Each structure stands twice: as structure tokens, then as C-alpha cells.
PDB file of N, CA and C in Angstrom:
ATOM      1  N   MET A   1      -9.920  -1.209  -5.042  1.00  0.00           N
ATOM      2  CA  MET A   1      -8.613  -0.822  -5.542  1.00  0.00           C
ATOM      3  C   MET A   1      -7.550  -1.232  -4.505  1.00  0.00           C
ATOM      4  N   PRO A   2      -6.470  -1.807  -4.947  1.00  0.00           N
ATOM      5  CA  PRO A   2      -5.422  -2.251  -4.022  1.00  0.00           C
ATOM      6  C   PRO A   2      -4.768  -1.098  -3.258  1.00  0.00           C
ATOM      7  N   GLU A   3      -4.283  -1.413  -2.064  1.00  0.00           N
ATOM      8  CA  GLU A   3      -3.522  -0.480  -1.233  1.00  0.00           C
ATOM      9  C   GLU A   3      -2.067  -0.923  -1.283  1.00  0.00           C
ATOM     10  N   TRP A   4      -1.162   0.027  -1.531  1.00  0.00           N
ATOM     11  CA  TRP A   4       0.261  -0.274  -1.641  1.00  0.00           C
ATOM     12  C   TRP A   4       1.034   0.495  -0.584  1.00  0.00           C
ATOM     13  N   LYS A   5       2.079  -0.128  -0.025  1.00  0.00           N
ATOM     14  CA  LYS A   5       2.913   0.495   0.992  1.00  0.00           C
ATOM     15  C   LYS A   5       4.364   0.488   0.528  1.00  0.00           C
ATOM     16  N   CYS A   6       5.006   1.646   0.620  1.00  0.00           N
ATOM     17  CA  CYS A   6       6.426   1.779   0.256  1.00  0.00           C
ATOM     18  C   CYS A   6       7.272   1.028   1.279  1.00  0.00           C
ATOM     19  N   SER A   7       8.199   0.211   0.791  1.00  0.00           N
ATOM     20  CA  SER A   7       9.041  -0.584   1.680  1.00  0.00           C
ATOM     21  C   SER A   7      10.109   0.251   2.374  1.00  0.00           C
ATOM     22  N   LYS A   8      10.355   1.459   1.890  1.00  0.00           N
ATOM     23  CA  LYS A   8      11.388   2.303   2.493  1.00  0.00           C
ATOM     24  C   LYS A   8      10.827   3.287   3.512  1.00  0.00           C
ATOM     25  N   CYS A   9       9.769   4.030   3.146  1.00  0.00           N
ATOM     26  CA  CYS A   9       9.275   5.082   4.043  1.00  0.00           C
ATOM     27  C   CYS A   9       7.915   4.778   4.661  1.00  0.00           C
ATOM     28  N   GLY A  10       7.210   3.751   4.168  1.00  0.00           N
ATOM     29  CA  GLY A  10       5.931   3.385   4.736  1.00  0.00           C
ATOM     30  C   GLY A  10       4.732   4.120   4.163  1.00  0.00           C
ATOM     31  N   TYR A  11       4.938   4.956   3.167  1.00  0.00           N
ATOM     32  CA  TYR A  11       3.846   5.690   2.525  1.00  0.00           C
ATOM     33  C   TYR A  11       2.870   4.702   1.896  1.00  0.00           C
ATOM     34  N   THR A  12       1.569   4.939   2.058  1.00  0.00           N
ATOM     35  CA  THR A  12       0.571   4.062   1.455  1.00  0.00           C
ATOM     36  C   THR A  12      -0.283   4.837   0.465  1.00  0.00           C
ATOM     37  N   LEU A  13      -0.719   4.151  -0.587  1.00  0.00           N
ATOM     38  CA  LEU A  13      -1.574   4.763  -1.580  1.00  0.00           C
ATOM     39  C   LEU A  13      -2.473   3.717  -2.201  1.00  0.00           C
ATOM     40  N   SER A  14      -3.588   4.183  -2.754  1.00  0.00           N
ATOM     41  CA  SER A  14      -4.524   3.311  -3.469  1.00  0.00           C
ATOM     42  C   SER A  14      -4.305   3.502  -4.956  1.00  0.00           C
ATOM     43  N   ALA A  15      -4.033   2.409  -5.660  1.00  0.00           N
ATOM     44  CA  ALA A  15      -3.815   2.465  -7.108  1.00  0.00           C
ATOM     45  C   ALA A  15      -3.935   1.054  -7.674  1.00  0.00           C
ATOM     46  N   GLU A  16      -4.263   0.977  -8.955  1.00  0.00           N
ATOM     47  CA  GLU A  16      -4.341  -0.340  -9.606  1.00  0.00           C
ATOM     48  C   GLU A  16      -2.983  -1.023  -9.615  1.00  0.00           C
ATOM     49  N   LYS A  17      -1.920  -0.248  -9.880  1.00  0.00           N
ATOM     50  CA  LYS A  17      -0.546  -0.750  -9.887  1.00  0.00           C
ATOM     51  C   LYS A  17       0.309   0.213  -9.079  1.00  0.00           C
ATOM     52  N   PRO A  18       1.355  -0.278  -8.427  1.00  0.00           N
ATOM     53  CA  PRO A  18       2.229   0.633  -7.693  1.00  0.00           C
ATOM     54  C   PRO A  18       3.049   1.493  -8.659  1.00  0.00           C
ATOM     55  N   PRO A  19       3.396   2.709  -8.263  1.00  0.00           N
ATOM     56  CA  PRO A  19       4.205   3.560  -9.136  1.00  0.00           C
ATOM     57  C   PRO A  19       5.657   3.079  -9.183  1.00  0.00           C
ATOM     58  N   GLY A  20       6.401   3.568 -10.140  1.00  0.00           N
ATOM     59  CA  GLY A  20       7.813   3.211 -10.259  1.00  0.00           C
ATOM     60  C   GLY A  20       8.664   3.916  -9.222  1.00  0.00           C
ATOM     61  N   GLU A  21       8.197   5.081  -8.768  1.00  0.00           N
ATOM     62  CA  GLU A  21       8.907   5.870  -7.770  1.00  0.00           C
ATOM     63  C   GLU A  21       7.915   6.294  -6.700  1.00  0.00           C
ATOM     64  N   CYS A  22       8.329   6.245  -5.455  1.00  0.00           N
ATOM     65  CA  CYS A  22       7.443   6.622  -4.355  1.00  0.00           C
ATOM     66  C   CYS A  22       7.166   8.126  -4.399  1.00  0.00           C
ATOM     67  N   PRO A  23       5.893   8.529  -4.344  1.00  0.00           N
ATOM     68  CA  PRO A  23       5.562   9.953  -4.340  1.00  0.00           C
ATOM     69  C   PRO A  23       6.033  10.674  -3.076  1.00  0.00           C
ATOM     70  N   SER A  24       6.269   9.938  -2.011  1.00  0.00           N
ATOM     71  CA  SER A  24       6.673  10.556  -0.753  1.00  0.00           C
ATOM     72  C   SER A  24       8.191  10.714  -0.631  1.00  0.00           C
ATOM     73  N   CYS A  25       8.926   9.608  -0.710  1.00  0.00           N
ATOM     74  CA  CYS A  25      10.383   9.672  -0.511  1.00  0.00           C
ATOM     75  C   CYS A  25      11.166   9.829  -1.810  1.00  0.00           C
ATOM     76  N   LYS A  26      10.468   9.776  -2.947  1.00  0.00           N
ATOM     77  CA  LYS A  26      11.081   9.954  -4.271  1.00  0.00           C
ATOM     78  C   LYS A  26      12.137   8.905  -4.605  1.00  0.00           C
ATOM     79  N   GLU A  27      12.066   7.763  -3.934  1.00  0.00           N
ATOM     80  CA  GLU A  27      12.989   6.658  -4.179  1.00  0.00           C
ATOM     81  C   GLU A  27      12.322   5.613  -5.063  1.00  0.00           C
ATOM     82  N   LYS A  28      13.131   4.822  -5.728  1.00  0.00           N
ATOM     83  CA  LYS A  28      12.620   3.674  -6.474  1.00  0.00           C
ATOM     84  C   LYS A  28      12.519   2.544  -5.457  1.00  0.00           C
ATOM     85  N   CYS A  29      11.306   2.245  -5.014  1.00  0.00           N
ATOM     86  CA  CYS A  29      11.079   1.320  -3.907  1.00  0.00           C
ATOM     87  C   CYS A  29      10.300   0.097  -4.352  1.00  0.00           C
ATOM     88  N   GLU A  30      10.316  -0.894  -3.489  1.00  0.00           N
ATOM     89  CA  GLU A  30       9.429  -2.034  -3.668  1.00  0.00           C
ATOM     90  C   GLU A  30       8.147  -1.684  -2.929  1.00  0.00           C
ATOM     91  N   PHE A  31       7.005  -1.832  -3.595  1.00  0.00           N
ATOM     92  CA  PHE A  31       5.726  -1.577  -2.954  1.00  0.00           C
ATOM     93  C   PHE A  31       5.089  -2.905  -2.580  1.00  0.00           C
ATOM     94  N   VAL A  32       4.596  -3.000  -1.344  1.00  0.00           N
ATOM     95  CA  VAL A  32       3.969  -4.200  -0.819  1.00  0.00           C
ATOM     96  C   VAL A  32       2.457  -3.996  -0.855  1.00  0.00           C
ATOM     97  N   ASP A  33       1.735  -5.002  -1.332  1.00  0.00           N
ATOM     98  CA  ASP A  33       0.275  -4.945  -1.370  1.00  0.00           C
ATOM     99  C   ASP A  33      -0.244  -5.193   0.044  1.00  0.00           C
ATOM    100  N   VAL A  34      -0.858  -4.178   0.658  1.00  0.00           N
ATOM    101  CA  VAL A  34      -1.410  -4.300   2.008  1.00  0.00           C
ATOM    102  C   VAL A  34      -2.938  -4.268   1.974  1.00  0.00           C
ATOM    103  N   SER A  35      -3.510  -4.608   0.819  1.00  0.00           N
ATOM    104  CA  SER A  35      -4.966  -4.651   0.685  1.00  0.00           C
ATOM    105  C   SER A  35      -5.544  -5.732   1.578  1.00  0.00           C
ATOM    106  N   CYS A  36      -6.730  -5.495   2.046  1.00  0.00           N
ATOM    107  CA  CYS A  36      -7.398  -6.475   2.890  1.00  0.00           C
ATOM    108  C   CYS A  36      -8.403  -7.244   2.052  1.00  0.00           C
ATOM    109  N   TYR A  37      -8.345  -8.539   2.129  1.00  0.00           N
ATOM    110  CA  TYR A  37      -9.254  -9.379   1.364  1.00  0.00           C
ATOM    111  C   TYR A  37     -10.185 -10.190   2.269  1.00  0.00           C
ATOM    112  N   ILE A  38     -10.277  -9.786   3.532  1.00  0.00           N
ATOM    113  CA  ILE A  38     -11.189 -10.457   4.450  1.00  0.00           C
ATOM    114  C   ILE A  38     -12.290  -9.489   4.868  1.00  0.00           C
ATOM    115  N   PRO A  39     -13.460  -9.960   5.176  1.00  0.00           N
ATOM    116  CA  PRO A  39     -14.573  -9.077   5.535  1.00  0.00           C
ATOM    117  C   PRO A  39     -14.325  -8.217   6.778  1.00  0.00           C
ATOM    118  N   ASP A  40     -13.436  -8.635   7.659  1.00  0.00           N
ATOM    119  CA  ASP A  40     -13.190  -7.892   8.899  1.00  0.00           C
ATOM    120  C   ASP A  40     -12.746  -6.451   8.680  1.00  0.00           C
ATOM    121  N   CYS A  41     -12.074  -6.170   7.599  1.00  0.00           N
ATOM    122  CA  CYS A  41     -11.582  -4.803   7.381  1.00  0.00           C
ATOM    123  C   CYS A  41     -12.155  -4.189   6.101  1.00  0.00           C
ATOM    124  N   ALA A  42     -13.384  -4.512   5.816  1.00  0.00           N
ATOM    125  CA  ALA A  42     -14.038  -3.986   4.614  1.00  0.00           C
ATOM    126  C   ALA A  42     -14.195  -2.471   4.656  1.00  0.00           C
ATOM    127  N   GLN A  43     -14.304  -1.887   5.846  1.00  0.00           N
ATOM    128  CA  GLN A  43     -14.482  -0.436   5.936  1.00  0.00           C
ATOM    129  C   GLN A  43     -13.209   0.320   5.619  1.00  0.00           C
ATOM    130  N   THR A  44     -12.050  -0.197   5.990  1.00  0.00           N
ATOM    131  CA  THR A  44     -10.794   0.525   5.764  1.00  0.00           C
ATOM    132  C   THR A  44     -10.147   0.185   4.431  1.00  0.00           C
ATOM    133  N   GLY A  45     -10.338  -1.033   3.947  1.00  0.00           N
ATOM    134  CA  GLY A  45      -9.715  -1.434   2.696  1.00  0.00           C
ATOM    135  C   GLY A  45      -8.304  -1.952   2.839  1.00  0.00           C
ATOM    136  N   SER A  46      -7.660  -1.691   4.002  1.00  0.00           N
ATOM    137  CA  SER A  46      -6.307  -2.196   4.190  1.00  0.00           C
ATOM    138  C   SER A  46      -6.247  -3.029   5.463  1.00  0.00           C
ATOM    139  N   ASP A  47      -5.316  -3.943   5.481  1.00  0.00           N
ATOM    140  CA  ASP A  47      -5.159  -4.855   6.608  1.00  0.00           C
ATOM    141  C   ASP A  47      -4.131  -4.274   7.578  1.00  0.00           C
ATOM    142  N   PRO A  48      -4.557  -3.865   8.793  1.00  0.00           N
ATOM    143  CA  PRO A  48      -3.629  -3.245   9.743  1.00  0.00           C
ATOM    144  C   PRO A  48      -2.490  -4.162  10.163  1.00  0.00           C
ATOM    145  N   ARG A  49      -2.661  -5.468  10.009  1.00  0.00           N
ATOM    146  CA  ARG A  49      -1.581  -6.400  10.370  1.00  0.00           C
ATOM    147  C   ARG A  49      -0.419  -6.298   9.390  1.00  0.00           C
ATOM    148  N   LEU A  50      -0.657  -5.758   8.200  1.00  0.00           N
ATOM    149  CA  LEU A  50       0.396  -5.651   7.192  1.00  0.00           C
ATOM    150  C   LEU A  50       1.081  -4.290   7.201  1.00  0.00           C
ATOM    151  N   LYS A  51       0.621  -3.404   8.043  1.00  0.00           N
ATOM    152  CA  LYS A  51       1.192  -2.048   8.041  1.00  0.00           C
ATOM    153  C   LYS A  51       2.253  -1.896   9.027  1.00  0.00           C
TER     154      LYS A  51
END
């Protein structure tokens, strides 16, 4: 499942699609896909370089 990060407050969540409003800051934000697609971060699911 993809990992999404709020562009305003940095909140991250796992979901198929990003929500329309951030559950943390309650703003209508752009969510960035920070999912990891390389074997190096298979345990965490997210790429720390994108956070």
C-alpha cells in the first residue's frame, strides 16, 4: 500500500489514494507519494530520502 506525506504538515499515512483533506492539519493539501520501491527499504515501506 502506498505511503503518502502531507506537503503542509508532513503527516504520513498508508492508503490506496491520498485523502482530499489531511487528517492531521485539516487542510486541503497536496500529498506526495513517499513509498519505497527498492528492496533496501522493504521493512519500512517508505523511503527515508523522501521524508
